Amino acid sequence: MSISSANLATGATSRSHKLSVSSSQASTLSAELAASRAWKMY
Protein backbone atom coordinates (compact mmCIF):
# COMPACT_ATOMS: atom_id res chain seq x y z
CA MET A 1 0.00 0.00 0.00
CA SER A 2 2.69 2.50 0.95
CA ILE A 3 4.62 1.85 -2.28
CA SER A 4 1.59 2.42 -4.51
CA SER A 5 0.62 5.60 -2.62
CA ALA A 6 4.18 6.90 -2.96
CA ASN A 7 4.10 6.20 -6.69
CA LEU A 8 0.79 8.07 -6.94
CA ALA A 9 2.26 11.04 -5.07
CA THR A 10 5.37 11.21 -7.25
CA GLY A 11 3.24 10.87 -10.39
CA ALA A 12 0.99 13.75 -9.29
CA THR A 13 3.96 16.01 -8.47
CA SER A 14 5.69 15.30 -11.78
CA ARG A 15 2.41 15.89 -13.60
CA SER A 16 1.87 19.26 -11.92
CA HIS A 17 5.52 20.18 -12.61
CA LYS A 18 5.04 19.41 -16.31
CA LEU A 19 1.87 21.51 -16.33
CA SER A 20 3.65 24.49 -14.77
CA VAL A 21 6.56 24.18 -17.21
CA SER A 22 4.24 23.98 -20.22
CA SER A 23 2.19 26.96 -18.99
CA SER A 24 5.34 29.06 -18.54
CA GLN A 25 6.49 28.09 -22.03
CA ALA A 26 3.07 29.03 -23.42
CA SER A 27 3.18 32.45 -21.71
CA THR A 28 6.67 33.05 -23.12
CA LEU A 29 5.50 32.07 -26.60
CA SER A 30 2.46 34.35 -26.38
CA ALA A 31 4.67 37.23 -25.21
CA GLU A 32 7.03 36.67 -28.16
CA LEU A 33 4.06 36.56 -30.54
CA ALA A 34 2.68 39.82 -29.13
CA ALA A 35 6.10 41.48 -29.38
CA SER A 36 6.55 40.38 -33.00
CA ARG A 37 3.05 41.64 -33.88
CA ALA A 38 3.74 45.00 -32.25
CA TRP A 39 7.08 45.21 -34.09
CA LYS A 40 5.43 44.46 -37.45
CA MET A 41 2.87 47.22 -36.85
CA TYR A 42 5.55 49.92 -36.79
PDB file of N, CA and C in Angstrom:
ATOM      1  N   MET A   1       0.830  -1.204   0.000  1.00  0.00           N
ATOM      2  CA  MET A   1       0.000   0.000   0.000  1.00  0.00           C
ATOM      3  C   MET A   1       0.863   1.252   0.000  1.00  0.00           C
ATOM      4  N   SER A   2       1.888   1.278   0.846  1.00  0.00           N
ATOM      5  CA  SER A   2       2.690   2.500   0.945  1.00  0.00           C
ATOM      6  C   SER A   2       3.453   2.753  -0.352  1.00  0.00           C
ATOM      7  N   ILE A   3       3.866   1.669  -1.031  1.00  0.00           N
ATOM      8  CA  ILE A   3       4.622   1.847  -2.280  1.00  0.00           C
ATOM      9  C   ILE A   3       3.715   2.443  -3.358  1.00  0.00           C
ATOM     10  N   SER A   4       2.498   1.924  -3.474  1.00  0.00           N
ATOM     11  CA  SER A   4       1.594   2.425  -4.507  1.00  0.00           C
ATOM     12  C   SER A   4       1.207   3.877  -4.212  1.00  0.00           C
ATOM     13  N   SER A   5       0.985   4.219  -2.949  1.00  0.00           N
ATOM     14  CA  SER A   5       0.624   5.598  -2.616  1.00  0.00           C
ATOM     15  C   SER A   5       1.794   6.530  -2.902  1.00  0.00           C
ATOM     16  N   ALA A   6       3.020   6.070  -2.667  1.00  0.00           N
ATOM     17  CA  ALA A   6       4.183   6.899  -2.958  1.00  0.00           C
ATOM     18  C   ALA A   6       4.307   7.107  -4.454  1.00  0.00           C
ATOM     19  N   ASN A   7       4.049   6.066  -5.238  1.00  0.00           N
ATOM     20  CA  ASN A   7       4.098   6.196  -6.691  1.00  0.00           C
ATOM     21  C   ASN A   7       3.042   7.185  -7.167  1.00  0.00           C
ATOM     22  N   LEU A   8       1.850   7.131  -6.569  1.00  0.00           N
ATOM     23  CA  LEU A   8       0.794   8.069  -6.944  1.00  0.00           C
ATOM     24  C   LEU A   8       1.209   9.502  -6.622  1.00  0.00           C
ATOM     25  N   ALA A   9       1.851   9.690  -5.464  1.00  0.00           N
ATOM     26  CA  ALA A   9       2.258  11.037  -5.067  1.00  0.00           C
ATOM     27  C   ALA A   9       3.323  11.571  -6.012  1.00  0.00           C
ATOM     28  N   THR A  10       4.316  10.743  -6.343  1.00  0.00           N
ATOM     29  CA  THR A  10       5.372  11.207  -7.253  1.00  0.00           C
ATOM     30  C   THR A  10       4.800  11.475  -8.636  1.00  0.00           C
ATOM     31  N   GLY A  11       3.853  10.652  -9.081  1.00  0.00           N
ATOM     32  CA  GLY A  11       3.236  10.871 -10.388  1.00  0.00           C
ATOM     33  C   GLY A  11       2.466  12.182 -10.419  1.00  0.00           C
ATOM     34  N   ALA A  12       1.759  12.509  -9.338  1.00  0.00           N
ATOM     35  CA  ALA A  12       0.993  13.748  -9.287  1.00  0.00           C
ATOM     36  C   ALA A  12       1.930  14.956  -9.277  1.00  0.00           C
ATOM     37  N   THR A  13       3.036  14.873  -8.535  1.00  0.00           N
ATOM     38  CA  THR A  13       3.956  16.013  -8.473  1.00  0.00           C
ATOM     39  C   THR A  13       4.626  16.221  -9.813  1.00  0.00           C
ATOM     40  N   SER A  14       5.045  15.148 -10.471  1.00  0.00           N
ATOM     41  CA  SER A  14       5.692  15.296 -11.776  1.00  0.00           C
ATOM     42  C   SER A  14       4.690  15.834 -12.793  1.00  0.00           C
ATOM     43  N   ARG A  15       3.425  15.408 -12.675  1.00  0.00           N
ATOM     44  CA  ARG A  15       2.409  15.892 -13.604  1.00  0.00           C
ATOM     45  C   ARG A  15       2.190  17.389 -13.415  1.00  0.00           C
ATOM     46  N   SER A  16       2.088  17.834 -12.177  1.00  0.00           N
ATOM     47  CA  SER A  16       1.875  19.259 -11.917  1.00  0.00           C
ATOM     48  C   SER A  16       3.094  20.060 -12.351  1.00  0.00           C
ATOM     49  N   HIS A  17       4.292  19.488 -12.183  1.00  0.00           N
ATOM     50  CA  HIS A  17       5.516  20.183 -12.612  1.00  0.00           C
ATOM     51  C   HIS A  17       5.508  20.350 -14.127  1.00  0.00           C
ATOM     52  N   LYS A  18       5.105  19.298 -14.849  1.00  0.00           N
ATOM     53  CA  LYS A  18       5.039  19.410 -16.309  1.00  0.00           C
ATOM     54  C   LYS A  18       4.011  20.454 -16.721  1.00  0.00           C
ATOM     55  N   LEU A  19       2.897  20.521 -15.996  1.00  0.00           N
ATOM     56  CA  LEU A  19       1.870  21.508 -16.327  1.00  0.00           C
ATOM     57  C   LEU A  19       2.401  22.924 -16.128  1.00  0.00           C
ATOM     58  N   SER A  20       3.120  23.151 -15.030  1.00  0.00           N
ATOM     59  CA  SER A  20       3.647  24.489 -14.771  1.00  0.00           C
ATOM     60  C   SER A  20       4.695  24.855 -15.810  1.00  0.00           C
ATOM     61  N   VAL A  21       5.531  23.895 -16.205  1.00  0.00           N
ATOM     62  CA  VAL A  21       6.555  24.178 -17.214  1.00  0.00           C
ATOM     63  C   VAL A  21       5.901  24.508 -18.547  1.00  0.00           C
ATOM     64  N   SER A  22       4.893  23.727 -18.939  1.00  0.00           N
ATOM     65  CA  SER A  22       4.239  23.976 -20.220  1.00  0.00           C
ATOM     66  C   SER A  22       3.500  25.314 -20.197  1.00  0.00           C
ATOM     67  N   SER A  23       2.896  25.683 -19.068  1.00  0.00           N
ATOM     68  CA  SER A  23       2.193  26.958 -18.988  1.00  0.00           C
ATOM     69  C   SER A  23       3.170  28.123 -19.072  1.00  0.00           C
ATOM     70  N   SER A  24       4.346  27.989 -18.445  1.00  0.00           N
ATOM     71  CA  SER A  24       5.341  29.065 -18.536  1.00  0.00           C
ATOM     72  C   SER A  24       5.865  29.179 -19.953  1.00  0.00           C
ATOM     73  N   GLN A  25       6.052  28.042 -20.648  1.00  0.00           N
ATOM     74  CA  GLN A  25       6.488  28.089 -22.034  1.00  0.00           C
ATOM     75  C   GLN A  25       5.422  28.739 -22.906  1.00  0.00           C
ATOM     76  N   ALA A  26       4.159  28.449 -22.642  1.00  0.00           N
ATOM     77  CA  ALA A  26       3.070  29.033 -23.419  1.00  0.00           C
ATOM     78  C   ALA A  26       3.010  30.539 -23.206  1.00  0.00           C
ATOM     79  N   SER A  27       3.205  31.014 -21.975  1.00  0.00           N
ATOM     80  CA  SER A  27       3.181  32.446 -21.710  1.00  0.00           C
ATOM     81  C   SER A  27       4.348  33.135 -22.405  1.00  0.00           C
ATOM     82  N   THR A  28       5.515  32.475 -22.423  1.00  0.00           N
ATOM     83  CA  THR A  28       6.668  33.052 -23.116  1.00  0.00           C
ATOM     84  C   THR A  28       6.403  33.122 -24.611  1.00  0.00           C
ATOM     85  N   LEU A  29       5.803  32.080 -25.168  1.00  0.00           N
ATOM     86  CA  LEU A  29       5.500  32.071 -26.599  1.00  0.00           C
ATOM     87  C   LEU A  29       4.490  33.161 -26.942  1.00  0.00           C
ATOM     88  N   SER A  30       3.466  33.328 -26.118  1.00  0.00           N
ATOM     89  CA  SER A  30       2.462  34.355 -26.381  1.00  0.00           C
ATOM     90  C   SER A  30       3.079  35.745 -26.279  1.00  0.00           C
ATOM     91  N   ALA A  31       4.008  35.936 -25.342  1.00  0.00           N
ATOM     92  CA  ALA A  31       4.673  37.229 -25.209  1.00  0.00           C
ATOM     93  C   ALA A  31       5.520  37.506 -26.443  1.00  0.00           C
ATOM     94  N   GLU A  32       6.218  36.489 -26.944  1.00  0.00           N
ATOM     95  CA  GLU A  32       7.025  36.668 -28.155  1.00  0.00           C
ATOM     96  C   GLU A  32       6.130  36.974 -29.356  1.00  0.00           C
ATOM     97  N   LEU A  33       4.985  36.307 -29.439  1.00  0.00           N
ATOM     98  CA  LEU A  33       4.057  36.564 -30.540  1.00  0.00           C
ATOM     99  C   LEU A  33       3.537  38.000 -30.473  1.00  0.00           C
ATOM    100  N   ALA A  34       3.181  38.458 -29.274  1.00  0.00           N
ATOM    101  CA  ALA A  34       2.678  39.820 -29.126  1.00  0.00           C
ATOM    102  C   ALA A  34       3.763  40.834 -29.485  1.00  0.00           C
ATOM    103  N   ALA A  35       5.011  40.561 -29.080  1.00  0.00           N
ATOM    104  CA  ALA A  35       6.103  41.484 -29.383  1.00  0.00           C
ATOM    105  C   ALA A  35       6.350  41.536 -30.884  1.00  0.00           C
ATOM    106  N   SER A  36       6.317  40.387 -31.556  1.00  0.00           N
ATOM    107  CA  SER A  36       6.548  40.382 -33.004  1.00  0.00           C
ATOM    108  C   SER A  36       5.410  41.100 -33.729  1.00  0.00           C
ATOM    109  N   ARG A  37       4.176  40.945 -33.249  1.00  0.00           N
ATOM    110  CA  ARG A  37       3.052  41.643 -33.878  1.00  0.00           C
ATOM    111  C   ARG A  37       3.199  43.153 -33.696  1.00  0.00           C
ATOM    112  N   ALA A  38       3.574  43.569 -32.496  1.00  0.00           N
ATOM    113  CA  ALA A  38       3.738  45.003 -32.249  1.00  0.00           C
ATOM    114  C   ALA A  38       4.885  45.551 -33.099  1.00  0.00           C
ATOM    115  N   TRP A  39       5.937  44.759 -33.293  1.00  0.00           N
ATOM    116  CA  TRP A  39       7.076  45.213 -34.087  1.00  0.00           C
ATOM    117  C   TRP A  39       6.687  45.326 -35.560  1.00  0.00           C
ATOM    118  N   LYS A  40       5.854  44.415 -36.041  1.00  0.00           N
ATOM    119  CA  LYS A  40       5.426  44.459 -37.449  1.00  0.00           C
ATOM    120  C   LYS A  40       4.506  45.655 -37.694  1.00  0.00           C
ATOM    121  N   MET A  41       3.797  46.101 -36.665  1.00  0.00           N
ATOM    122  CA  MET A  41       2.872  47.220 -36.852  1.00  0.00           C
ATOM    123  C   MET A  41       3.622  48.517 -37.138  1.00  0.00           C
ATOM    124  N   TYR A  42       4.825  48.671 -36.602  1.00  0.00           N
ATOM    125  CA  TYR A  42       5.552  49.921 -36.795  1.00  0.00           C
ATOM    126  C   TYR A  42       6.374  49.902 -38.077  1.00  0.00           C
TER     127      TYR A  42
END
